[in-house]
Amino acid sequence: MDGQEKNIVSKVDKSRFFSRLKLGLKKTRGSLASGVMRVVNGSTKFGPELWEELEEVLLASDIGVP
């Protein structure tokens, strides 16, 4: 394999990596947005319970817990 072929293979590998990354971030973004909206829409005031629920949503979206 010459230098040009290696360059093409490298670009394809990077493209696959970024495609997988975008897909993973899309899932995280959706989980985070829906969780925050659920917590905020279900509460009438900001208190300790709301902050606790928001913390749970943020942690779950960060580590990928459904």
PDB file of N, CA and C in Angstrom:
ATOM      1  N   MET A   1       0.851  -1.174   0.000  1.00  0.00           N
ATOM      2  CA  MET A   1       0.000   0.000   0.000  1.00  0.00           C
ATOM      3  C   MET A   1       0.895   1.235   0.000  1.00  0.00           C
ATOM      4  N   ASP A   2       0.647   2.126  -0.945  1.00  0.00           N
ATOM      5  CA  ASP A   2       1.474   3.329  -1.011  1.00  0.00           C
ATOM      6  C   ASP A   2       0.885   4.432  -0.120  1.00  0.00           C
ATOM      7  N   GLY A   3       1.545   5.568  -0.098  1.00  0.00           N
ATOM      8  CA  GLY A   3       1.155   6.679   0.769  1.00  0.00           C
ATOM      9  C   GLY A   3      -0.240   7.198   0.485  1.00  0.00           C
ATOM     10  N   GLN A   4      -0.601   7.255  -0.801  1.00  0.00           N
ATOM     11  CA  GLN A   4      -1.922   7.772  -1.169  1.00  0.00           C
ATOM     12  C   GLN A   4      -3.025   6.826  -0.681  1.00  0.00           C
ATOM     13  N   GLU A   5      -2.804   5.519  -0.820  1.00  0.00           N
ATOM     14  CA  GLU A   5      -3.792   4.543  -0.359  1.00  0.00           C
ATOM     15  C   GLU A   5      -3.947   4.604   1.156  1.00  0.00           C
ATOM     16  N   LYS A   6      -2.831   4.757   1.865  1.00  0.00           N
ATOM     17  CA  LYS A   6      -2.889   4.869   3.323  1.00  0.00           C
ATOM     18  C   LYS A   6      -3.671   6.107   3.732  1.00  0.00           C
ATOM     19  N   ASN A   7      -3.492   7.191   3.002  1.00  0.00           N
ATOM     20  CA  ASN A   7      -4.204   8.433   3.291  1.00  0.00           C
ATOM     21  C   ASN A   7      -5.711   8.242   3.107  1.00  0.00           C
ATOM     22  N   ILE A   8      -6.107   7.548   2.053  1.00  0.00           N
ATOM     23  CA  ILE A   8      -7.525   7.286   1.796  1.00  0.00           C
ATOM     24  C   ILE A   8      -8.110   6.409   2.898  1.00  0.00           C
ATOM     25  N   VAL A   9      -7.393   5.360   3.273  1.00  0.00           N
ATOM     26  CA  VAL A   9      -7.848   4.472   4.345  1.00  0.00           C
ATOM     27  C   VAL A   9      -7.979   5.247   5.647  1.00  0.00           C
ATOM     28  N   SER A  10      -7.029   6.113   5.923  1.00  0.00           N
ATOM     29  CA  SER A  10      -7.072   6.924   7.136  1.00  0.00           C
ATOM     30  C   SER A  10      -8.302   7.828   7.147  1.00  0.00           C
ATOM     31  N   LYS A  11      -8.628   8.438   6.008  1.00  0.00           N
ATOM     32  CA  LYS A  11      -9.808   9.308   5.921  1.00  0.00           C
ATOM     33  C   LYS A  11     -11.090   8.518   6.137  1.00  0.00           C
ATOM     34  N   VAL A  12     -11.150   7.299   5.603  1.00  0.00           N
ATOM     35  CA  VAL A  12     -12.330   6.454   5.777  1.00  0.00           C
ATOM     36  C   VAL A  12     -12.485   6.081   7.246  1.00  0.00           C
ATOM     37  N   ASP A  13     -11.382   5.715   7.900  1.00  0.00           N
ATOM     38  CA  ASP A  13     -11.430   5.367   9.319  1.00  0.00           C
ATOM     39  C   ASP A  13     -11.903   6.552  10.156  1.00  0.00           C
ATOM     40  N   LYS A  14     -11.415   7.754   9.855  1.00  0.00           N
ATOM     41  CA  LYS A  14     -11.839   8.948  10.584  1.00  0.00           C
ATOM     42  C   LYS A  14     -13.320   9.203  10.362  1.00  0.00           C
ATOM     43  N   SER A  15     -13.788   9.003   9.140  1.00  0.00           N
ATOM     44  CA  SER A  15     -15.198   9.213   8.814  1.00  0.00           C
ATOM     45  C   SER A  15     -16.081   8.262   9.619  1.00  0.00           C
ATOM     46  N   ARG A  16     -15.681   7.017   9.709  1.00  0.00           N
ATOM     47  CA  ARG A  16     -16.438   6.030  10.490  1.00  0.00           C
ATOM     48  C   ARG A  16     -16.447   6.407  11.964  1.00  0.00           C
ATOM     49  N   PHE A  17     -15.312   6.825  12.474  1.00  0.00           N
ATOM     50  CA  PHE A  17     -15.215   7.226  13.877  1.00  0.00           C
ATOM     51  C   PHE A  17     -16.173   8.373  14.171  1.00  0.00           C
ATOM     52  N   PHE A  18     -16.154   9.406  13.336  1.00  0.00           N
ATOM     53  CA  PHE A  18     -17.006  10.565  13.578  1.00  0.00           C
ATOM     54  C   PHE A  18     -18.481  10.227  13.387  1.00  0.00           C
ATOM     55  N   SER A  19     -18.790   9.315  12.496  1.00  0.00           N
ATOM     56  CA  SER A  19     -20.182   8.883  12.331  1.00  0.00           C
ATOM     57  C   SER A  19     -20.676   8.192  13.594  1.00  0.00           C
ATOM     58  N   ARG A  20     -19.859   7.307  14.151  1.00  0.00           N
ATOM     59  CA  ARG A  20     -20.233   6.625  15.393  1.00  0.00           C
ATOM     60  C   ARG A  20     -20.330   7.605  16.549  1.00  0.00           C
ATOM     61  N   LEU A  21     -19.417   8.559  16.609  1.00  0.00           N
ATOM     62  CA  LEU A  21     -19.436   9.566  17.663  1.00  0.00           C
ATOM     63  C   LEU A  21     -20.706  10.407  17.583  1.00  0.00           C
ATOM     64  N   LYS A  22     -21.064  10.859  16.383  1.00  0.00           N
ATOM     65  CA  LYS A  22     -22.274  11.664  16.208  1.00  0.00           C
ATOM     66  C   LYS A  22     -23.518  10.876  16.614  1.00  0.00           C
ATOM     67  N   LEU A  23     -23.564   9.602  16.272  1.00  0.00           N
ATOM     68  CA  LEU A  23     -24.704   8.775  16.643  1.00  0.00           C
ATOM     69  C   LEU A  23     -24.798   8.642  18.163  1.00  0.00           C
ATOM     70  N   GLY A  24     -23.673   8.408  18.813  1.00  0.00           N
ATOM     71  CA  GLY A  24     -23.664   8.299  20.271  1.00  0.00           C
ATOM     72  C   GLY A  24     -24.069   9.590  20.951  1.00  0.00           C
ATOM     73  N   LEU A  25     -23.594  10.705  20.435  1.00  0.00           N
ATOM     74  CA  LEU A  25     -23.950  11.996  21.021  1.00  0.00           C
ATOM     75  C   LEU A  25     -25.415  12.330  20.776  1.00  0.00           C
ATOM     76  N   LYS A  26     -25.955  11.877  19.672  1.00  0.00           N
ATOM     77  CA  LYS A  26     -27.374  12.105  19.381  1.00  0.00           C
ATOM     78  C   LYS A  26     -28.234  11.407  20.431  1.00  0.00           C
ATOM     79  N   LYS A  27     -27.875  10.191  20.786  1.00  0.00           N
ATOM     80  CA  LYS A  27     -28.614   9.456  21.815  1.00  0.00           C
ATOM     81  C   LYS A  27     -28.505  10.164  23.163  1.00  0.00           C
ATOM     82  N   THR A  28     -27.308  10.615  23.513  1.00  0.00           N
ATOM     83  CA  THR A  28     -27.099  11.321  24.777  1.00  0.00           C
ATOM     84  C   THR A  28     -27.893  12.613  24.811  1.00  0.00           C
ATOM     85  N   ARG A  29     -27.842  13.364  23.730  1.00  0.00           N
ATOM     86  CA  ARG A  29     -28.563  14.638  23.654  1.00  0.00           C
ATOM     87  C   ARG A  29     -30.061  14.411  23.816  1.00  0.00           C
ATOM     88  N   GLY A  30     -30.598  13.410  23.157  1.00  0.00           N
ATOM     89  CA  GLY A  30     -32.025  13.106  23.261  1.00  0.00           C
ATOM     90  C   GLY A  30     -32.424  12.682  24.658  1.00  0.00           C
ATOM     91  N   SER A  31     -31.609  11.847  25.263  1.00  0.00           N
ATOM     92  CA  SER A  31     -31.877  11.393  26.627  1.00  0.00           C
ATOM     93  C   SER A  31     -31.832  12.550  27.612  1.00  0.00           C
ATOM     94  N   LEU A  32     -30.841  13.388  27.473  1.00  0.00           N
ATOM     95  CA  LEU A  32     -30.688  14.536  28.366  1.00  0.00           C
ATOM     96  C   LEU A  32     -31.844  15.512  28.197  1.00  0.00           C
ATOM     97  N   ALA A  33     -32.163  15.857  26.970  1.00  0.00           N
ATOM     98  CA  ALA A  33     -33.230  16.833  26.714  1.00  0.00           C
ATOM     99  C   ALA A  33     -34.574  16.323  27.215  1.00  0.00           C
ATOM    100  N   SER A  34     -34.903  15.074  26.925  1.00  0.00           N
ATOM    101  CA  SER A  34     -36.199  14.548  27.360  1.00  0.00           C
ATOM    102  C   SER A  34     -36.261  14.419  28.876  1.00  0.00           C
ATOM    103  N   GLY A  35     -35.166  14.034  29.499  1.00  0.00           N
ATOM    104  CA  GLY A  35     -35.137  13.920  30.961  1.00  0.00           C
ATOM    105  C   GLY A  35     -35.299  15.257  31.649  1.00  0.00           C
ATOM    106  N   VAL A  36     -34.599  16.263  31.169  1.00  0.00           N
ATOM    107  CA  VAL A  36     -34.698  17.601  31.766  1.00  0.00           C
ATOM    108  C   VAL A  36     -36.103  18.158  31.559  1.00  0.00           C
ATOM    109  N   MET A  37     -36.660  17.997  30.375  1.00  0.00           N
ATOM    110  CA  MET A  37     -38.014  18.495  30.118  1.00  0.00           C
ATOM    111  C   MET A  37     -39.032  17.793  31.011  1.00  0.00           C
ATOM    112  N   ARG A  38     -38.865  16.498  31.212  1.00  0.00           N
ATOM    113  CA  ARG A  38     -39.779  15.744  32.070  1.00  0.00           C
ATOM    114  C   ARG A  38     -39.734  16.278  33.489  1.00  0.00           C
ATOM    115  N   VAL A  39     -38.545  16.513  34.008  1.00  0.00           N
ATOM    116  CA  VAL A  39     -38.384  17.001  35.379  1.00  0.00           C
ATOM    117  C   VAL A  39     -38.923  18.416  35.516  1.00  0.00           C
ATOM    118  N   VAL A  40     -38.553  19.294  34.613  1.00  0.00           N
ATOM    119  CA  VAL A  40     -38.943  20.701  34.712  1.00  0.00           C
ATOM    120  C   VAL A  40     -40.445  20.872  34.476  1.00  0.00           C
ATOM    121  N   ASN A  41     -41.004  20.163  33.510  1.00  0.00           N
ATOM    122  CA  ASN A  41     -42.438  20.293  33.227  1.00  0.00           C
ATOM    123  C   ASN A  41     -43.308  19.726  34.340  1.00  0.00           C
ATOM    124  N   GLY A  42     -42.792  18.775  35.082  1.00  0.00           N
ATOM    125  CA  GLY A  42     -43.573  18.165  36.156  1.00  0.00           C
ATOM    126  C   GLY A  42     -43.475  18.896  37.477  1.00  0.00           C
ATOM    127  N   SER A  43     -42.725  19.963  37.548  1.00  0.00           N
ATOM    128  CA  SER A  43     -42.518  20.678  38.806  1.00  0.00           C
ATOM    129  C   SER A  43     -42.999  22.115  38.681  1.00  0.00           C
ATOM    130  N   THR A  44     -43.561  22.624  39.780  1.00  0.00           N
ATOM    131  CA  THR A  44     -44.041  24.006  39.774  1.00  0.00           C
ATOM    132  C   THR A  44     -43.044  24.962  40.406  1.00  0.00           C
ATOM    133  N   LYS A  45     -42.139  24.451  41.236  1.00  0.00           N
ATOM    134  CA  LYS A  45     -41.144  25.332  41.841  1.00  0.00           C
ATOM    135  C   LYS A  45     -39.804  24.607  41.971  1.00  0.00           C
ATOM    136  N   PHE A  46     -38.768  25.396  42.023  1.00  0.00           N
ATOM    137  CA  PHE A  46     -37.425  24.849  42.153  1.00  0.00           C
ATOM    138  C   PHE A  46     -37.103  24.666  43.626  1.00  0.00           C
ATOM    139  N   GLY A  47     -36.951  23.430  44.018  1.00  0.00           N
ATOM    140  CA  GLY A  47     -36.599  23.116  45.391  1.00  0.00           C
ATOM    141  C   GLY A  47     -35.589  21.990  45.406  1.00  0.00           C
ATOM    142  N   PRO A  48     -35.277  21.495  46.589  1.00  0.00           N
ATOM    143  CA  PRO A  48     -34.279  20.418  46.704  1.00  0.00           C
ATOM    144  C   PRO A  48     -34.652  19.161  45.909  1.00  0.00           C
ATOM    145  N   GLU A  49     -35.950  18.841  45.860  1.00  0.00           N
ATOM    146  CA  GLU A  49     -36.374  17.641  45.130  1.00  0.00           C
ATOM    147  C   GLU A  49     -36.102  17.776  43.631  1.00  0.00           C
ATOM    148  N   LEU A  50     -36.367  18.968  43.112  1.00  0.00           N
ATOM    149  CA  LEU A  50     -36.124  19.206  41.686  1.00  0.00           C
ATOM    150  C   LEU A  50     -34.641  19.079  41.361  1.00  0.00           C
ATOM    151  N   TRP A  51     -33.802  19.652  42.194  1.00  0.00           N
ATOM    152  CA  TRP A  51     -32.354  19.569  41.961  1.00  0.00           C
ATOM    153  C   TRP A  51     -31.879  18.118  42.027  1.00  0.00           C
ATOM    154  N   GLU A  52     -32.475  17.334  42.937  1.00  0.00           N
ATOM    155  CA  GLU A  52     -32.126  15.913  43.049  1.00  0.00           C
ATOM    156  C   GLU A  52     -32.496  15.171  41.759  1.00  0.00           C
ATOM    157  N   GLU A  53     -33.691  15.423  41.243  1.00  0.00           N
ATOM    158  CA  GLU A  53     -34.118  14.774  40.002  1.00  0.00           C
ATOM    159  C   GLU A  53     -33.252  15.205  38.818  1.00  0.00           C
ATOM    160  N   LEU A  54     -32.922  16.490  38.752  1.00  0.00           N
ATOM    161  CA  LEU A  54     -32.044  16.967  37.673  1.00  0.00           C
ATOM    162  C   LEU A  54     -30.675  16.302  37.746  1.00  0.00           C
ATOM    163  N   GLU A  55     -30.160  16.144  38.952  1.00  0.00           N
ATOM    164  CA  GLU A  55     -28.866  15.479  39.121  1.00  0.00           C
ATOM    165  C   GLU A  55     -28.937  14.048  38.601  1.00  0.00           C
ATOM    166  N   GLU A  56     -30.025  13.343  38.919  1.00  0.00           N
ATOM    167  CA  GLU A  56     -30.188  11.970  38.442  1.00  0.00           C
ATOM    168  C   GLU A  56     -30.230  11.910  36.914  1.00  0.00           C
ATOM    169  N   VAL A  57     -30.962  12.841  36.305  1.00  0.00           N
ATOM    170  CA  VAL A  57     -31.053  12.881  34.839  1.00  0.00           C
ATOM    171  C   VAL A  57     -29.679  13.139  34.229  1.00  0.00           C
ATOM    172  N   LEU A  58     -28.949  14.097  34.787  1.00  0.00           N
ATOM    173  CA  LEU A  58     -27.624  14.426  34.252  1.00  0.00           C
ATOM    174  C   LEU A  58     -26.658  13.256  34.386  1.00  0.00           C
ATOM    175  N   LEU A  59     -26.671  12.591  35.534  1.00  0.00           N
ATOM    176  CA  LEU A  59     -25.783  11.440  35.720  1.00  0.00           C
ATOM    177  C   LEU A  59     -26.165  10.296  34.787  1.00  0.00           C
ATOM    178  N   ALA A  60     -27.455  10.036  34.659  1.00  0.00           N
ATOM    179  CA  ALA A  60     -27.903   8.946  33.791  1.00  0.00           C
ATOM    180  C   ALA A  60     -27.519   9.209  32.335  1.00  0.00           C
ATOM    181  N   SER A  61     -27.659  10.447  31.886  1.00  0.00           N
ATOM    182  CA  SER A  61     -27.300  10.740  30.493  1.00  0.00           C
ATOM    183  C   SER A  61     -25.790  10.704  30.289  1.00  0.00           C
ATOM    184  N   ASP A  62     -25.039  11.021  31.326  1.00  0.00           N
ATOM    185  CA  ASP A  62     -23.580  11.021  31.219  1.00  0.00           C
ATOM    186  C   ASP A  62     -23.021   9.609  31.116  1.00  0.00           C
ATOM    187  N   ILE A  63     -23.576   8.688  31.895  1.00  0.00           N
ATOM    188  CA  ILE A  63     -23.033   7.328  31.897  1.00  0.00           C
ATOM    189  C   ILE A  63     -23.846   6.363  31.050  1.00  0.00           C
ATOM    190  N   GLY A  64     -24.946   6.846  30.455  1.00  0.00           N
ATOM    191  CA  GLY A  64     -25.711   6.028  29.525  1.00  0.00           C
ATOM    192  C   GLY A  64     -26.714   5.099  30.153  1.00  0.00           C
ATOM    193  N   VAL A  65     -27.186   5.386  31.332  1.00  0.00           N
ATOM    194  CA  VAL A  65     -28.206   4.564  31.968  1.00  0.00           C
ATOM    195  C   VAL A  65     -29.559   4.936  31.391  1.00  0.00           C
ATOM    196  N   PRO A  66     -30.344   3.955  30.932  1.00  0.00           N
ATOM    197  CA  PRO A  66     -31.663   4.273  30.347  1.00  0.00           C
ATOM    198  C   PRO A  66     -32.664   4.738  31.382  1.00  0.00           C
TER     199      PRO A  66
END
